[in-house]
Amino acid sequence: MTQILVTLNEEVTAKQVRKAIEQLRGVISAKVFRTKSETNQKTLHQQEFVKESLTRAFDELKSSQHGECKMMTDEEFMKELKAEGVA
């Protein structure tokens, strides 16, 4: 079995190239691998969002247990997410 490494610039979509390669005779499979920097940025953004969400939820839970404020309803939570542009 022979493998070929193809590096693409940002102007060409990997999906289109993958489909074209799969149509060639003798191709067993074609896979798309992202560079570490792309994957890391997405992962870091997701981790940051989860950390902020959990911190906010924990702080809210602590304050509600001490009677400082009432718990946020799911509608209020979704409204806040939409206001932040997340949902």
N, C-alpha and C. Protein backbone atom coordinates (compact mmCIF):
# COMPACT_ATOMS: atom_id res chain seq x y z
N MET A 1 0.85 -1.18 0.00
CA MET A 1 0.00 0.00 0.00
C MET A 1 0.90 1.24 0.00
N THR A 2 0.52 2.23 -0.76
CA THR A 2 1.25 3.48 -0.86
C THR A 2 0.36 4.60 -0.33
N GLN A 3 0.98 5.54 0.39
CA GLN A 3 0.24 6.70 0.90
C GLN A 3 0.82 7.96 0.32
N ILE A 4 -0.05 8.94 0.08
CA ILE A 4 0.36 10.24 -0.45
C ILE A 4 -0.12 11.31 0.53
N LEU A 5 0.77 12.21 0.91
CA LEU A 5 0.43 13.32 1.79
C LEU A 5 0.17 14.54 0.93
N VAL A 6 -1.01 15.14 1.08
CA VAL A 6 -1.39 16.32 0.32
C VAL A 6 -1.60 17.46 1.30
N THR A 7 -0.92 18.59 1.08
CA THR A 7 -1.08 19.77 1.93
C THR A 7 -1.88 20.81 1.15
N LEU A 8 -2.93 21.33 1.77
CA LEU A 8 -3.82 22.28 1.10
C LEU A 8 -3.68 23.68 1.68
N ASN A 9 -3.86 24.68 0.81
CA ASN A 9 -3.92 26.04 1.33
C ASN A 9 -5.34 26.30 1.83
N GLU A 10 -5.56 27.43 2.42
CA GLU A 10 -6.86 27.70 3.04
C GLU A 10 -7.96 27.99 2.03
N GLU A 11 -7.61 28.27 0.78
CA GLU A 11 -8.61 28.63 -0.21
C GLU A 11 -9.40 27.42 -0.70
N VAL A 12 -8.79 26.25 -0.64
CA VAL A 12 -9.42 25.03 -1.13
C VAL A 12 -10.01 24.30 0.06
N THR A 13 -11.25 23.84 -0.09
CA THR A 13 -11.84 23.11 1.01
C THR A 13 -11.39 21.66 0.97
N ALA A 14 -11.08 21.14 2.13
CA ALA A 14 -10.59 19.77 2.24
C ALA A 14 -11.66 18.77 1.81
N LYS A 15 -12.91 19.11 2.03
CA LYS A 15 -14.01 18.21 1.68
C LYS A 15 -14.06 17.96 0.17
N GLN A 16 -13.89 19.03 -0.62
CA GLN A 16 -13.92 18.89 -2.08
C GLN A 16 -12.76 18.06 -2.58
N VAL A 17 -11.57 18.29 -2.04
CA VAL A 17 -10.39 17.55 -2.47
C VAL A 17 -10.53 16.09 -2.07
N ARG A 18 -11.04 15.84 -0.88
CA ARG A 18 -11.21 14.46 -0.42
C ARG A 18 -12.16 13.70 -1.35
N LYS A 19 -13.27 14.34 -1.73
CA LYS A 19 -14.22 13.69 -2.64
C LYS A 19 -13.57 13.38 -3.99
N ALA A 20 -12.78 14.31 -4.48
CA ALA A 20 -12.11 14.10 -5.76
C ALA A 20 -11.11 12.96 -5.68
N ILE A 21 -10.37 12.88 -4.60
CA ILE A 21 -9.39 11.80 -4.43
C ILE A 21 -10.09 10.46 -4.31
N GLU A 22 -11.21 10.41 -3.60
CA GLU A 22 -11.94 9.15 -3.43
C GLU A 22 -12.47 8.61 -4.76
N GLN A 23 -12.68 9.49 -5.74
CA GLN A 23 -13.20 9.06 -7.03
C GLN A 23 -12.13 8.44 -7.93
N LEU A 24 -10.87 8.60 -7.56
CA LEU A 24 -9.78 8.02 -8.36
C LEU A 24 -9.78 6.50 -8.22
N ARG A 25 -9.45 5.83 -9.30
CA ARG A 25 -9.39 4.37 -9.30
C ARG A 25 -8.26 3.89 -8.40
N GLY A 26 -8.54 2.91 -7.57
CA GLY A 26 -7.53 2.32 -6.70
C GLY A 26 -7.42 2.96 -5.33
N VAL A 27 -8.18 4.02 -5.08
CA VAL A 27 -8.12 4.67 -3.77
C VAL A 27 -8.97 3.87 -2.79
N ILE A 28 -8.35 3.47 -1.70
CA ILE A 28 -9.07 2.69 -0.67
C ILE A 28 -9.79 3.63 0.29
N SER A 29 -9.10 4.65 0.75
CA SER A 29 -9.72 5.61 1.66
C SER A 29 -8.99 6.93 1.58
N ALA A 30 -9.68 7.99 1.95
CA ALA A 30 -9.10 9.33 2.02
C ALA A 30 -9.56 9.95 3.33
N LYS A 31 -8.61 10.41 4.11
CA LYS A 31 -8.92 10.98 5.42
C LYS A 31 -8.39 12.40 5.50
N VAL A 32 -9.07 13.23 6.28
CA VAL A 32 -8.65 14.62 6.48
C VAL A 32 -8.14 14.74 7.91
N PHE A 33 -6.92 15.23 8.05
CA PHE A 33 -6.33 15.47 9.36
C PHE A 33 -6.10 16.97 9.49
N ARG A 34 -6.52 17.52 10.59
CA ARG A 34 -6.32 18.94 10.83
C ARG A 34 -4.96 19.15 11.51
N THR A 35 -4.39 20.31 11.28
CA THR A 35 -3.12 20.62 11.94
C THR A 35 -3.37 20.81 13.43
N LYS A 36 -2.33 20.66 14.20
CA LYS A 36 -2.48 20.78 15.65
C LYS A 36 -2.95 22.17 16.05
N SER A 37 -2.49 23.20 15.37
CA SER A 37 -2.88 24.56 15.75
C SER A 37 -4.38 24.77 15.57
N GLU A 38 -4.97 24.24 14.48
CA GLU A 38 -6.42 24.35 14.29
C GLU A 38 -7.16 23.61 15.38
N THR A 39 -6.76 22.39 15.63
CA THR A 39 -7.41 21.56 16.64
C THR A 39 -7.24 22.19 18.01
N ASN A 40 -6.05 22.65 18.31
CA ASN A 40 -5.80 23.23 19.63
C ASN A 40 -6.63 24.48 19.86
N GLN A 41 -6.78 25.32 18.85
CA GLN A 41 -7.56 26.54 19.02
C GLN A 41 -9.02 26.22 19.29
N LYS A 42 -9.57 25.25 18.55
CA LYS A 42 -10.96 24.85 18.78
C LYS A 42 -11.11 24.26 20.17
N THR A 43 -10.19 23.39 20.56
CA THR A 43 -10.24 22.75 21.86
C THR A 43 -10.10 23.78 22.97
N LEU A 44 -9.17 24.71 22.82
CA LEU A 44 -8.98 25.74 23.84
C LEU A 44 -10.22 26.61 23.99
N HIS A 45 -10.86 26.95 22.87
CA HIS A 45 -12.08 27.76 22.93
C HIS A 45 -13.19 26.99 23.64
N GLN A 46 -13.33 25.70 23.34
CA GLN A 46 -14.35 24.88 23.99
C GLN A 46 -14.06 24.74 25.48
N GLN A 47 -12.80 24.51 25.84
CA GLN A 47 -12.45 24.39 27.25
C GLN A 47 -12.71 25.68 28.00
N GLU A 48 -12.40 26.81 27.38
CA GLU A 48 -12.63 28.10 28.00
C GLU A 48 -14.13 28.32 28.25
N PHE A 49 -14.95 27.97 27.25
CA PHE A 49 -16.40 28.13 27.38
C PHE A 49 -16.93 27.25 28.51
N VAL A 50 -16.48 25.99 28.58
CA VAL A 50 -16.94 25.07 29.62
C VAL A 50 -16.52 25.58 30.99
N LYS A 51 -15.29 26.05 31.09
CA LYS A 51 -14.80 26.55 32.38
C LYS A 51 -15.63 27.75 32.84
N GLU A 52 -15.90 28.69 31.94
CA GLU A 52 -16.71 29.85 32.30
C GLU A 52 -18.12 29.44 32.71
N SER A 53 -18.70 28.50 31.96
CA SER A 53 -20.07 28.05 32.26
C SER A 53 -20.14 27.36 33.61
N LEU A 54 -19.19 26.47 33.87
CA LEU A 54 -19.19 25.75 35.15
C LEU A 54 -18.90 26.69 36.32
N THR A 55 -18.01 27.65 36.13
CA THR A 55 -17.72 28.62 37.18
C THR A 55 -18.96 29.44 37.50
N ARG A 56 -19.65 29.88 36.47
CA ARG A 56 -20.87 30.67 36.67
C ARG A 56 -21.94 29.82 37.37
N ALA A 57 -22.10 28.58 36.96
CA ALA A 57 -23.10 27.71 37.57
C ALA A 57 -22.75 27.43 39.03
N PHE A 58 -21.47 27.19 39.32
CA PHE A 58 -21.05 26.92 40.70
C PHE A 58 -21.26 28.14 41.58
N ASP A 59 -20.89 29.32 41.08
CA ASP A 59 -21.10 30.56 41.84
C ASP A 59 -22.58 30.80 42.11
N GLU A 60 -23.39 30.52 41.11
CA GLU A 60 -24.84 30.71 41.26
C GLU A 60 -25.40 29.73 42.30
N LEU A 61 -24.93 28.50 42.27
CA LEU A 61 -25.38 27.50 43.23
C LEU A 61 -24.99 27.89 44.65
N LYS A 62 -23.75 28.36 44.83
CA LYS A 62 -23.30 28.79 46.16
C LYS A 62 -24.13 29.96 46.67
N SER A 63 -24.39 30.93 45.82
CA SER A 63 -25.15 32.10 46.26
C SER A 63 -26.60 31.74 46.55
N SER A 64 -27.17 30.79 45.83
CA SER A 64 -28.55 30.39 46.11
C SER A 64 -28.65 29.60 47.41
N GLN A 65 -27.61 28.85 47.74
CA GLN A 65 -27.60 28.09 48.99
C GLN A 65 -27.49 29.02 50.19
N HIS A 66 -26.85 30.15 50.01
CA HIS A 66 -26.72 31.11 51.10
C HIS A 66 -27.90 32.08 51.14
N GLY A 67 -28.84 31.90 50.25
CA GLY A 67 -30.03 32.75 50.22
C GLY A 67 -29.80 34.12 49.64
N GLU A 68 -28.69 34.32 48.95
CA GLU A 68 -28.39 35.63 48.37
C GLU A 68 -29.23 35.92 47.14
N CYS A 69 -29.51 34.90 46.35
CA CYS A 69 -30.33 35.09 45.17
C CYS A 69 -30.99 33.77 44.80
N LYS A 70 -32.00 33.84 43.93
CA LYS A 70 -32.70 32.63 43.52
C LYS A 70 -31.98 32.01 42.32
N MET A 71 -32.21 30.72 42.10
CA MET A 71 -31.61 30.02 40.97
C MET A 71 -32.19 30.54 39.66
N MET A 72 -31.36 30.54 38.63
CA MET A 72 -31.77 30.97 37.29
C MET A 72 -32.59 29.85 36.65
N THR A 73 -33.67 30.21 35.98
CA THR A 73 -34.46 29.20 35.27
C THR A 73 -33.79 28.88 33.94
N ASP A 74 -34.22 27.81 33.31
CA ASP A 74 -33.63 27.44 32.03
C ASP A 74 -33.91 28.49 30.96
N GLU A 75 -35.10 29.12 31.03
CA GLU A 75 -35.40 30.18 30.06
C GLU A 75 -34.48 31.38 30.26
N GLU A 76 -34.22 31.74 31.52
CA GLU A 76 -33.32 32.86 31.80
C GLU A 76 -31.91 32.54 31.33
N PHE A 77 -31.50 31.29 31.54
CA PHE A 77 -30.17 30.86 31.12
C PHE A 77 -30.01 30.96 29.60
N MET A 78 -31.00 30.44 28.86
CA MET A 78 -30.94 30.50 27.40
C MET A 78 -30.98 31.94 26.90
N LYS A 79 -31.74 32.78 27.57
CA LYS A 79 -31.82 34.20 27.19
C LYS A 79 -30.44 34.85 27.37
N GLU A 80 -29.75 34.52 28.46
CA GLU A 80 -28.43 35.06 28.71
C GLU A 80 -27.42 34.56 27.68
N LEU A 81 -27.51 33.28 27.32
CA LEU A 81 -26.62 32.74 26.30
C LEU A 81 -26.83 33.42 24.96
N LYS A 82 -28.10 33.65 24.60
CA LYS A 82 -28.40 34.32 23.33
C LYS A 82 -27.87 35.76 23.35
N ALA A 83 -27.99 36.42 24.51
CA ALA A 83 -27.50 37.79 24.62
C ALA A 83 -25.97 37.85 24.45
N GLU A 84 -25.29 36.79 24.91
CA GLU A 84 -23.84 36.73 24.77
C GLU A 84 -23.43 36.26 23.38
N GLY A 85 -24.39 35.79 22.58
CA GLY A 85 -24.09 35.33 21.23
C GLY A 85 -23.59 33.90 21.18
N VAL A 86 -23.79 33.13 22.24
CA VAL A 86 -23.32 31.75 22.28
C VAL A 86 -24.35 30.81 21.70
N ALA A 87 -25.60 31.02 22.02
CA ALA A 87 -26.67 30.11 21.56
C ALA A 87 -27.51 30.76 20.50
